[in-house]
N, C-alpha and C. Protein backbone atom coordinates (compact mmCIF):
# COMPACT_ATOMS: atom_id res chain seq x y z
N MET A 1 -0.30 16.70 118.18
CA MET A 1 -0.59 16.15 119.39
C MET A 1 0.45 15.02 119.79
N LEU A 2 0.54 13.99 118.90
CA LEU A 2 1.44 12.97 119.04
C LEU A 2 2.88 13.40 119.01
N TYR A 3 3.14 14.28 118.13
CA TYR A 3 4.54 14.77 118.00
C TYR A 3 5.03 15.42 119.37
N GLY A 4 4.14 16.27 119.93
CA GLY A 4 4.50 16.98 121.22
C GLY A 4 4.63 15.94 122.29
N PHE A 5 3.73 14.91 122.39
CA PHE A 5 3.86 13.93 123.44
C PHE A 5 5.13 13.17 123.28
N LEU A 6 5.54 12.77 122.06
CA LEU A 6 6.77 12.05 121.85
C LEU A 6 8.00 12.93 122.26
N TRP A 7 7.93 14.17 121.95
CA TRP A 7 9.03 15.08 122.42
C TRP A 7 9.18 15.07 123.90
N PHE A 8 8.00 15.23 124.59
CA PHE A 8 7.98 15.16 126.10
C PHE A 8 8.54 13.83 126.63
N MET A 9 8.01 12.76 126.06
CA MET A 9 8.53 11.41 126.56
C MET A 9 9.99 11.28 126.25
N HIS A 10 10.54 11.80 125.11
CA HIS A 10 11.90 11.61 124.71
C HIS A 10 12.77 12.40 125.75
N VAL A 11 12.41 13.58 126.14
CA VAL A 11 13.13 14.42 127.12
C VAL A 11 13.14 13.73 128.46
N VAL A 12 11.99 13.19 128.95
CA VAL A 12 11.92 12.47 130.18
C VAL A 12 12.76 11.21 130.25
N VAL A 13 12.83 10.50 129.09
CA VAL A 13 13.64 9.32 128.98
C VAL A 13 15.10 9.70 129.00
N VAL A 14 15.47 10.76 128.36
CA VAL A 14 16.86 11.16 128.32
C VAL A 14 17.39 11.62 129.70
N ILE A 15 16.55 12.36 130.41
CA ILE A 15 16.92 12.77 131.78
C ILE A 15 16.98 11.59 132.72
N ALA A 16 16.03 10.67 132.62
CA ALA A 16 16.18 9.45 133.47
C ALA A 16 17.34 8.62 133.05
N LEU A 17 17.64 8.41 131.87
CA LEU A 17 18.79 7.65 131.47
C LEU A 17 20.09 8.23 131.92
N ILE A 18 20.19 9.58 131.88
CA ILE A 18 21.42 10.18 132.37
C ILE A 18 21.47 9.94 133.87
N GLY A 19 20.42 10.20 134.58
CA GLY A 19 20.37 9.83 136.05
C GLY A 19 20.86 8.39 136.42
N VAL A 20 20.26 7.48 135.72
CA VAL A 20 20.51 6.06 136.03
C VAL A 20 21.89 5.72 135.73
N ILE A 21 22.46 6.25 134.66
CA ILE A 21 23.87 5.94 134.35
C ILE A 21 24.85 6.59 135.32
N LEU A 22 24.53 7.79 135.77
CA LEU A 22 25.39 8.43 136.78
C LEU A 22 25.36 7.77 138.18
N VAL A 23 24.17 7.09 138.45
CA VAL A 23 24.06 6.43 139.75
C VAL A 23 24.81 5.10 139.75
N GLN A 24 24.92 4.43 138.64
CA GLN A 24 25.60 3.19 138.64
C GLN A 24 27.01 3.22 139.06
N ARG A 25 27.50 2.15 139.78
CA ARG A 25 28.88 2.10 140.26
C ARG A 25 29.78 1.73 139.02
N GLY A 26 30.72 2.54 138.91
CA GLY A 26 31.79 2.36 137.79
C GLY A 26 32.96 1.86 138.36
N ARG A 27 34.03 2.10 137.63
CA ARG A 27 35.42 1.65 138.19
C ARG A 27 35.87 2.44 139.26
N SER A 28 35.46 3.75 139.28
CA SER A 28 35.95 4.61 140.35
C SER A 28 34.81 4.92 141.38
N GLY A 29 33.75 4.20 141.28
CA GLY A 29 32.65 4.30 142.34
C GLY A 29 31.43 5.12 141.79
N GLY A 30 31.58 6.02 140.89
CA GLY A 30 30.56 6.68 140.25
C GLY A 30 29.83 7.68 141.24
N LEU A 31 28.67 8.14 140.94
CA LEU A 31 27.92 9.04 141.75
C LEU A 31 27.37 8.32 142.94
N VAL A 32 27.32 7.02 143.04
CA VAL A 32 26.87 6.33 144.21
C VAL A 32 27.67 6.63 145.42
N GLU A 33 28.82 6.64 145.29
CA GLU A 33 29.77 7.01 146.44
C GLU A 33 29.54 8.42 146.99
N ALA A 34 29.30 9.31 146.10
CA ALA A 34 29.10 10.67 146.59
C ALA A 34 27.68 10.79 147.25
N LEU A 35 26.68 9.99 146.78
CA LEU A 35 25.36 10.14 147.41
C LEU A 35 25.20 9.42 148.67
N GLY A 36 26.04 8.51 148.93
CA GLY A 36 25.90 7.61 150.12
C GLY A 36 25.65 6.25 149.58
N GLY A 37 24.83 5.52 150.35
CA GLY A 37 24.59 4.11 150.01
C GLY A 37 23.22 3.93 149.34
N VAL A 38 23.26 3.86 147.95
CA VAL A 38 22.15 3.58 147.21
C VAL A 38 21.69 2.09 147.40
N GLU A 39 22.74 1.26 147.74
CA GLU A 39 22.46 -0.09 148.05
C GLU A 39 21.59 -0.28 149.18
N SER A 40 21.60 0.68 150.18
CA SER A 40 20.81 0.52 151.42
C SER A 40 19.38 0.87 151.01
N ILE A 41 19.12 1.62 149.88
CA ILE A 41 17.72 1.95 149.43
C ILE A 41 17.13 0.78 148.72
N PHE A 42 17.86 0.15 147.76
CA PHE A 42 17.34 -0.78 146.93
C PHE A 42 17.64 -2.24 147.28
N GLY A 43 18.50 -2.42 148.25
CA GLY A 43 18.85 -3.82 148.65
C GLY A 43 20.10 -4.31 148.03
N THR A 44 20.20 -5.61 148.12
CA THR A 44 21.45 -6.21 147.57
C THR A 44 21.47 -6.36 146.06
N LYS A 45 20.41 -6.22 145.39
CA LYS A 45 20.26 -6.48 143.88
C LYS A 45 20.29 -5.06 143.20
N THR A 46 20.88 -4.16 143.75
CA THR A 46 20.96 -2.85 143.20
C THR A 46 21.53 -2.80 141.72
N SER A 47 22.63 -3.40 141.53
CA SER A 47 23.34 -3.29 140.25
C SER A 47 22.46 -4.01 139.16
N GLN A 48 21.88 -5.15 139.57
CA GLN A 48 21.05 -5.83 138.57
C GLN A 48 19.84 -4.95 138.14
N MET A 49 19.24 -4.34 139.13
CA MET A 49 18.09 -3.39 138.86
C MET A 49 18.41 -2.27 138.09
N LEU A 50 19.71 -1.71 138.33
CA LEU A 50 20.08 -0.51 137.61
C LEU A 50 20.36 -0.87 136.17
N VAL A 51 21.03 -2.15 135.92
CA VAL A 51 21.34 -2.50 134.56
C VAL A 51 20.01 -2.69 133.69
N ARG A 52 19.05 -3.29 134.40
CA ARG A 52 17.76 -3.55 133.70
C ARG A 52 17.12 -2.21 133.36
N THR A 53 17.16 -1.36 134.29
CA THR A 53 16.54 0.00 134.07
C THR A 53 17.24 0.69 132.96
N THR A 54 18.58 0.60 132.95
CA THR A 54 19.31 1.28 131.84
C THR A 54 18.94 0.61 130.52
N VAL A 55 18.89 -0.65 130.39
CA VAL A 55 18.45 -1.31 129.14
C VAL A 55 17.13 -0.88 128.73
N GLY A 56 16.12 -0.83 129.66
CA GLY A 56 14.77 -0.40 129.39
C GLY A 56 14.74 1.03 128.85
N LEU A 57 15.38 1.89 129.54
CA LEU A 57 15.51 3.35 129.07
C LEU A 57 16.21 3.48 127.72
N ALA A 58 17.25 2.76 127.51
CA ALA A 58 17.97 2.73 126.24
C ALA A 58 16.98 2.34 125.10
N ILE A 59 16.28 1.29 125.27
CA ILE A 59 15.28 0.82 124.25
C ILE A 59 14.18 1.97 124.07
N ALA A 60 13.72 2.58 125.19
CA ALA A 60 12.79 3.64 125.03
C ALA A 60 13.41 4.80 124.30
N PHE A 61 14.66 5.18 124.56
CA PHE A 61 15.32 6.25 123.88
C PHE A 61 15.40 6.01 122.37
N PHE A 62 15.80 4.83 121.97
CA PHE A 62 15.94 4.48 120.57
C PHE A 62 14.60 4.58 119.86
N THR A 63 13.54 4.02 120.58
CA THR A 63 12.27 3.98 120.02
C THR A 63 11.72 5.44 119.80
N THR A 64 11.85 6.28 120.82
CA THR A 64 11.32 7.62 120.65
C THR A 64 12.19 8.38 119.57
N SER A 65 13.43 8.13 119.50
CA SER A 65 14.33 8.80 118.53
C SER A 65 13.81 8.39 117.07
N VAL A 66 13.60 7.14 116.83
CA VAL A 66 13.20 6.70 115.46
C VAL A 66 11.81 7.21 115.18
N SER A 67 11.00 7.20 116.21
CA SER A 67 9.53 7.64 116.07
C SER A 67 9.51 9.12 115.69
N LEU A 68 10.34 9.92 116.35
CA LEU A 68 10.42 11.36 116.08
C LEU A 68 11.01 11.65 114.75
N ALA A 69 11.94 10.85 114.30
CA ALA A 69 12.52 11.12 112.95
C ALA A 69 11.51 10.77 111.94
N TYR A 70 10.80 9.66 112.11
CA TYR A 70 9.81 9.29 111.13
C TYR A 70 8.67 10.30 110.98
N ILE A 71 8.13 10.73 112.13
CA ILE A 71 7.06 11.59 112.11
C ILE A 71 7.53 13.00 111.60
N SER A 72 8.72 13.37 111.92
CA SER A 72 9.26 14.67 111.39
C SER A 72 9.36 14.61 109.85
N LYS A 73 9.78 13.54 109.31
CA LYS A 73 9.88 13.36 107.92
C LYS A 73 8.53 13.45 107.29
N GLU A 74 7.58 12.76 107.85
CA GLU A 74 6.23 12.73 107.26
C GLU A 74 5.40 13.98 107.49
N ARG A 75 5.82 14.68 108.57
CA ARG A 75 5.03 15.86 108.89
C ARG A 75 5.29 17.05 107.96
N SER A 76 6.38 17.34 107.62
CA SER A 76 6.70 18.48 106.73
C SER A 76 8.07 18.33 106.18
N LYS A 77 8.39 19.41 105.43
CA LYS A 77 9.76 19.53 104.87
C LYS A 77 10.66 20.00 105.90
N SER A 78 11.89 19.85 105.66
CA SER A 78 12.87 20.48 106.61
C SER A 78 12.91 22.00 106.45
N VAL A 79 13.62 22.67 107.33
CA VAL A 79 13.68 24.06 107.35
C VAL A 79 14.42 24.52 106.15
N MET A 80 15.46 23.90 105.76
CA MET A 80 16.31 24.20 104.59
C MET A 80 15.48 24.08 103.29
N GLU A 81 14.68 22.96 103.18
CA GLU A 81 13.89 22.78 101.93
C GLU A 81 12.88 23.95 101.86
N LYS A 82 12.23 24.36 103.02
CA LYS A 82 11.25 25.41 102.95
C LYS A 82 11.92 26.70 102.53
N TYR A 83 13.15 26.98 103.06
CA TYR A 83 13.89 28.15 102.67
C TYR A 83 14.18 28.19 101.20
N GLN A 84 14.63 27.02 100.67
CA GLN A 84 15.04 26.97 99.29
C GLN A 84 13.84 27.24 98.33
N ASP A 85 12.66 26.60 98.74
CA ASP A 85 11.36 26.82 98.05
C ASP A 85 10.97 28.25 98.00
N GLN A 86 11.12 29.00 99.17
CA GLN A 86 10.83 30.44 99.22
C GLN A 86 11.80 31.24 98.35
N THR A 87 13.05 30.98 98.41
CA THR A 87 14.01 31.74 97.69
C THR A 87 13.80 31.45 96.10
N GLN A 88 13.47 30.30 95.74
CA GLN A 88 13.21 29.94 94.32
C GLN A 88 11.99 30.60 93.84
N ALA A 89 10.92 30.62 94.66
CA ALA A 89 9.70 31.27 94.34
C ALA A 89 9.83 32.77 94.21
N SER A 90 10.62 33.43 95.14
CA SER A 90 10.81 34.84 95.10
C SER A 90 11.77 35.20 93.93
N GLY A 91 12.71 34.40 93.63
CA GLY A 91 13.66 34.60 92.55
C GLY A 91 12.92 34.55 91.18
N ALA A 92 11.98 33.59 91.15
CA ALA A 92 11.30 33.35 89.82
C ALA A 92 10.30 34.50 89.65
N ALA A 93 9.83 35.10 90.70
CA ALA A 93 8.84 36.15 90.55
C ALA A 93 9.49 37.39 90.14
N MET A 94 10.78 37.55 90.60
CA MET A 94 11.50 38.82 90.29
C MET A 94 12.01 38.71 88.88
N ASN A 95 12.32 37.52 88.38
CA ASN A 95 12.88 37.28 87.03
C ASN A 95 11.79 37.11 85.92
N ALA A 96 10.58 37.04 86.37
CA ALA A 96 9.51 36.77 85.44
C ALA A 96 9.22 38.02 84.56
N PRO A 97 8.95 37.89 83.31
CA PRO A 97 8.63 39.01 82.50
C PRO A 97 7.33 39.65 82.97
N ALA A 98 7.10 40.86 82.67
CA ALA A 98 5.84 41.53 83.04
C ALA A 98 4.74 40.99 82.13
N PRO A 99 3.53 40.79 82.69
CA PRO A 99 2.49 40.12 81.86
C PRO A 99 2.15 41.13 80.87
N ILE A 100 1.69 40.65 79.70
CA ILE A 100 1.24 41.45 78.64
C ILE A 100 -0.33 41.55 78.80
N VAL A 101 -0.68 42.78 78.82
CA VAL A 101 -2.12 43.04 79.05
C VAL A 101 -2.66 43.66 77.73
N ASP A 102 -3.67 42.99 77.29
CA ASP A 102 -4.31 43.45 76.08
C ASP A 102 -5.19 44.56 76.45
N ALA A 103 -4.95 45.76 76.02
CA ALA A 103 -5.71 46.93 76.31
C ALA A 103 -6.82 46.98 75.16
N PRO A 104 -8.01 47.26 75.68
CA PRO A 104 -9.12 47.38 74.54
C PRO A 104 -8.72 48.58 73.60
N VAL A 105 -8.97 48.39 72.39
CA VAL A 105 -8.71 49.38 71.39
C VAL A 105 -9.93 50.34 71.43
N ALA A 106 -9.68 51.66 71.61
CA ALA A 106 -10.70 52.54 71.62
C ALA A 106 -11.17 52.72 70.21
N ALA A 107 -12.41 52.73 70.05
CA ALA A 107 -13.02 52.93 68.68
C ALA A 107 -12.88 54.40 68.35
N ASN A 108 -12.56 54.64 67.15
CA ASN A 108 -12.40 55.95 66.78
C ASN A 108 -13.77 56.65 66.59
N ALA A 109 -14.01 57.71 67.34
CA ALA A 109 -15.31 58.31 67.37
C ALA A 109 -15.48 59.17 66.13
N ASN A 110 -14.52 59.62 65.47
CA ASN A 110 -14.67 60.38 64.21
C ASN A 110 -14.62 59.42 62.99
N PRO A 111 -15.62 59.38 62.26
CA PRO A 111 -15.61 58.42 61.13
C PRO A 111 -14.95 59.13 59.89
């Protein structure tokens, strides 16, 4: 449950972070120039608000990344470790000697 929620939040944060970075004015104007005036929507403090939003989203990105890595480690083994365990188990089963079965000795009916 928590793992799925963190994945969802991570994807949302990544998409928002990409969007905010693209909207910021760069050396060549950025996506702001193509969209028109974002300054007219947010006012005169647009660059300050976008920088703060970028910092907040970056912190959220690193937090979700570290949390997902920790939960994944604690949750189970990696795919490669599972594969190696399966191949070792199947290889050991194939190379194992046949079990020795003690058959009951039939009593000789003729004395």
